[in-house]
Amino acid sequence: QVQLVESGGGLVQPGGSLSLSCAASGFSLDYFAIGWFRQAPGKEREGVSCISASDGSTYYADSVKGRFTISRDNAKNTVYLQMNSLKPEDTGVYYCAAAYFSNWSPAFPYYGMDWWGKGTLVTVSS
């Protein structure tokens, strides 16, 4: 059974840090680009960060550049999102998604996702 499971969400004060994990089961992440997305209350889902399958190239939304870092450990079949200097506007449900390499393009890194996790809630509040 193909699954992506996010973990690591929670409540954190502004300026704090959280580390999210996206663990895959039922398939190997080796041939998949992995994206992190978030959806804030009342807003559309947006792409936050993505890491390619081939060479580990990384992509970030302007709103998180310099604060978030995406990484992957194919041996553990897991992708991570380190979030630092968190702001209240980072609040939302964070999802990871996987795109098979032939369905993915660096020109549109947040498109072509084949499978999605169910999300983990991140709340940034004092």
Foldseek 3Di string as FASTA:
>chain_A
DWAWAKDWADEAAQQAKIKMKIAIPPDFQLQKKKWKWWDDVPGDIDTAKIFHNPPRDIDGDPVQPPFWDWDDDRVRRMIMIIGGRDDQVVWGWMKMFIAGNVQADPVCHVPRTDDIHPTDTHGHHD
